[in-house]
C-alpha atoms as a PDB file:
ATOM      1  CA  MET A   1      84.625-133.871-195.103  1.00  0.00           C
ATOM      2  CA  THR A   2      83.159-130.506-194.211  1.00  0.00           C
ATOM      3  CA  SER A   3      80.391-131.530-191.826  1.00  0.00           C
ATOM      4  CA  LYS A   4      80.330-130.111-188.310  1.00  0.00           C
ATOM      5  CA  SER A   5      81.029-133.555-186.915  1.00  0.00           C
ATOM      6  CA  SER A   6      81.776-136.834-188.589  1.00  0.00           C
ATOM      7  CA  PRO A   7      82.050-140.387-187.332  1.00  0.00           C
ATOM      8  CA  VAL A   8      85.374-142.174-187.176  1.00  0.00           C
ATOM      9  CA  GLU A   9      86.517-143.478-190.547  1.00  0.00           C
ATOM     10  CA  LEU A  10      89.473-145.608-191.632  1.00  0.00           C
ATOM     11  CA  ILE A  11      92.011-144.610-194.264  1.00  0.00           C
ATOM     12  CA  GLU A  12      95.138-146.419-195.404  1.00  0.00           C
ATOM     13  CA  VAL A  13      98.374-144.717-194.407  1.00  0.00           C
ATOM     14  CA  GLY A  14     101.655-146.415-195.275  1.00  0.00           C
ATOM     15  CA  GLY A  15      99.903-149.747-195.795  1.00  0.00           C
ATOM     16  CA  ARG A  16      98.066-149.704-192.468  1.00  0.00           C
ATOM     17  CA  PRO A  17      94.611-148.461-191.442  1.00  0.00           C
ATOM     18  CA  ILE A  18      94.416-145.287-189.373  1.00  0.00           C
ATOM     19  CA  ALA A  19      91.129-144.255-187.755  1.00  0.00           C
ATOM     20  CA  PHE A  20      90.311-140.558-187.958  1.00  0.00           C
ATOM     21  CA  ALA A  21      87.474-138.057-187.710  1.00  0.00           C
ATOM     22  CA  VAL A  22      86.995-134.667-189.335  1.00  0.00           C
ATOM     23  CA  HIS A  23      84.982-131.775-187.936  1.00  0.00           C
ATOM     24  CA  GLY A  24      84.149-128.400-189.471  1.00  0.00           C
ATOM     25  CA  ALA A  25      85.776-126.594-192.382  1.00  0.00           C
ATOM     26  CA  GLY A  26      88.599-124.142-192.911  1.00  0.00           C
ATOM     27  CA  VAL A  27      92.324-124.128-192.236  1.00  0.00           C
ATOM     28  CA  PRO A  28      93.406-127.662-191.213  1.00  0.00           C
ATOM     29  CA  LEU A  29      94.111-128.246-187.520  1.00  0.00           C
ATOM     30  CA  LEU A  30      95.414-131.656-186.404  1.00  0.00           C
ATOM     31  CA  LEU A  31      94.871-132.621-182.759  1.00  0.00           C
ATOM     32  CA  VAL A  32      97.363-135.239-181.526  1.00  0.00           C
ATOM     33  CA  ALA A  33      96.359-137.155-178.394  1.00  0.00           C
ATOM     34  CA  GLY A  34      98.643-138.194-175.564  1.00  0.00           C
ATOM     35  CA  THR A  35      99.978-141.612-174.604  1.00  0.00           C
ATOM     36  CA  GLY A  36      97.444-144.395-174.911  1.00  0.00           C
ATOM     37  CA  TYR A  37      94.546-142.121-175.877  1.00  0.00           C
ATOM     38  CA  PRO A  38      92.491-142.272-179.080  1.00  0.00           C
ATOM     39  CA  GLY A  39      91.369-139.210-181.007  1.00  0.00           C
ATOM     40  CA  ALA A  40      88.046-139.310-179.147  1.00  0.00           C
ATOM     41  CA  THR A  41      89.870-138.039-176.057  1.00  0.00           C
ATOM     42  CA  TRP A  42      89.421-134.480-177.369  1.00  0.00           C
ATOM     43  CA  PRO A  43      86.112-133.242-175.888  1.00  0.00           C
ATOM     44  CA  PRO A  44      83.337-131.764-178.034  1.00  0.00           C
ATOM     45  CA  GLU A  45      83.569-128.592-175.913  1.00  0.00           C
ATOM     46  CA  LEU A  46      87.023-128.058-177.438  1.00  0.00           C
ATOM     47  CA  ILE A  47      86.406-129.379-180.954  1.00  0.00           C
ATOM     48  CA  GLU A  48      83.147-127.537-181.696  1.00  0.00           C
ATOM     49  CA  PRO A  49      84.464-123.973-181.258  1.00  0.00           C
ATOM     50  CA  LEU A  50      87.607-124.861-183.215  1.00  0.00           C
ATOM     51  CA  ALA A  51      85.517-126.441-185.986  1.00  0.00           C
ATOM     52  CA  ALA A  52      83.725-123.128-186.498  1.00  0.00           C
ATOM     53  CA  ARG A  53      86.931-121.832-188.144  1.00  0.00           C
ATOM     54  CA  HIS A  54      89.055-124.909-188.855  1.00  0.00           C
ATOM     55  CA  LEU A  55      88.931-128.337-190.422  1.00  0.00           C
ATOM     56  CA  VAL A  56      89.707-130.223-187.216  1.00  0.00           C
ATOM     57  CA  VAL A  57      91.213-133.689-187.661  1.00  0.00           C
ATOM     58  CA  THR A  58      91.570-136.177-184.826  1.00  0.00           C
ATOM     59  CA  PHE A  59      92.996-139.679-185.149  1.00  0.00           C
ATOM     60  CA  ASP A  60      93.724-142.833-183.197  1.00  0.00           C
ATOM     61  CA  HIS A  61      97.389-143.699-182.648  1.00  0.00           C
ATOM     62  CA  ARG A  62      98.417-147.277-183.365  1.00  0.00           C
ATOM     63  CA  GLY A  63      96.944-149.578-180.757  1.00  0.00           C
ATOM     64  CA  THR A  64      94.270-147.108-179.595  1.00  0.00           C
ATOM     65  CA  GLY A  65      90.636-146.711-180.570  1.00  0.00           C
ATOM     66  CA  ALA A  66      89.915-148.227-183.976  1.00  0.00           C
ATOM     67  CA  THR A  67      93.539-148.226-185.223  1.00  0.00           C
ATOM     68  CA  PRO A  68      95.177-151.656-184.893  1.00  0.00           C
ATOM     69  CA  ALA A  69      98.545-151.913-183.141  1.00  0.00           C
ATOM     70  CA  GLY A  70     100.479-153.821-185.794  1.00  0.00           C
ATOM     71  CA  SER A  71     103.809-155.527-185.100  1.00  0.00           C
ATOM     72  CA  GLU A  72     106.189-152.522-185.261  1.00  0.00           C
ATOM     73  CA  PRO A  73     107.499-151.025-182.016  1.00  0.00           C
ATOM     74  CA  PHE A  74     105.799-147.789-181.026  1.00  0.00           C
ATOM     75  CA  SER A  75     107.714-144.516-180.933  1.00  0.00           C
ATOM     76  CA  THR A  76     106.812-140.857-181.162  1.00  0.00           C
ATOM     77  CA  ALA A  77     108.710-140.685-184.475  1.00  0.00           C
ATOM     78  CA  VAL A  78     106.557-143.534-185.860  1.00  0.00           C
ATOM     79  CA  PHE A  79     103.377-141.810-184.620  1.00  0.00           C
ATOM     80  CA  ALA A  80     104.563-138.601-186.325  1.00  0.00           C
ATOM     81  CA  ALA A  81     105.058-140.445-189.606  1.00  0.00           C
ATOM     82  CA  ASP A  82     101.513-141.809-189.239  1.00  0.00           C
ATOM     83  CA  ALA A  83     100.137-138.299-188.622  1.00  0.00           C
ATOM     84  CA  LEU A  84     102.001-136.852-191.601  1.00  0.00           C
ATOM     85  CA  GLY A  85     100.813-139.764-193.742  1.00  0.00           C
ATOM     86  CA  LEU A  86      97.261-139.064-192.616  1.00  0.00           C
ATOM     87  CA  LEU A  87      97.531-135.431-193.726  1.00  0.00           C
ATOM     88  CA  ASP A  88      98.891-136.631-197.072  1.00  0.00           C
ATOM     89  CA  ALA A  89      96.193-139.321-197.469  1.00  0.00           C
ATOM     90  CA  LEU A  90      93.517-136.702-196.786  1.00  0.00           C
ATOM     91  CA  ALA A  91      95.187-134.411-199.373  1.00  0.00           C
ATOM     92  CA  LEU A  92      95.382-131.592-196.844  1.00  0.00           C
ATOM     93  CA  PRO A  93      97.814-128.708-197.196  1.00  0.00           C
ATOM     94  CA  ALA A  94     100.034-127.603-194.324  1.00  0.00           C
ATOM     95  CA  ALA A  95      98.188-127.840-191.022  1.00  0.00           C
ATOM     96  CA  HIS A  96      98.378-126.349-187.573  1.00  0.00           C
ATOM     97  CA  VAL A  97      99.213-129.107-185.067  1.00  0.00           C
ATOM     98  CA  VAL A  98      98.282-129.229-181.384  1.00  0.00           C
ATOM     99  CA  GLY A  99      99.525-132.073-179.230  1.00  0.00           C
ATOM    100  CA  HIS A 100      98.707-133.035-175.658  1.00  0.00           C
ATOM    101  CA  SER A 101     101.428-134.686-173.538  1.00  0.00           C
ATOM    102  CA  MET A 102     103.051-137.302-175.791  1.00  0.00           C
ATOM    103  CA  GLY A 103     101.150-135.673-178.649  1.00  0.00           C
ATOM    104  CA  GLY A 104     103.406-132.641-178.185  1.00  0.00           C
ATOM    105  CA  ARG A 105     106.447-134.839-178.794  1.00  0.00           C
ATOM    106  CA  VAL A 106     104.730-136.285-181.865  1.00  0.00           C
ATOM    107  CA  ALA A 107     104.126-132.720-183.103  1.00  0.00           C
ATOM    108  CA  GLN A 108     107.830-131.932-182.631  1.00  0.00           C
ATOM    109  CA  TRP A 109     108.788-134.969-184.708  1.00  0.00           C
ATOM    110  CA  MET A 110     106.309-133.868-187.375  1.00  0.00           C
ATOM    111  CA  ALA A 111     108.014-130.461-187.547  1.00  0.00           C
ATOM    112  CA  LEU A 112     111.452-132.102-187.793  1.00  0.00           C
ATOM    113  CA  GLN A 113     110.415-134.709-190.374  1.00  0.00           C
ATOM    114  CA  ARG A 114     108.324-132.419-192.605  1.00  0.00           C
ATOM    115  CA  PRO A 115     108.584-128.726-191.720  1.00  0.00           C
ATOM    116  CA  ASP A 116     106.628-127.922-194.898  1.00  0.00           C
ATOM    117  CA  ARG A 117     103.540-129.643-193.464  1.00  0.00           C
END
């Protein structure tokens, strides 16, 4: 997972598939999209410069992109648990997290749920 750009892949997180993509290499940086947007919402013009120094991870929230919705109600706390589970499933150490709109609330939940991550 150190290529400049990689296609979307699926990984199991908490018994459910989560779609993600990895770009670059270096210190992990997780980009969390806003309400209703998949990880592909982050433009290459942003990802490419970041990927020169970071392992940039994007992912699709439940019910967006290639990640199925499931039957559980959506909440920013649930999305945060998914994001933290993704970091764990990818065996990544603590990561920088950047969230847009609702993604910022997800990032706050991540910090509250697992400040070590």
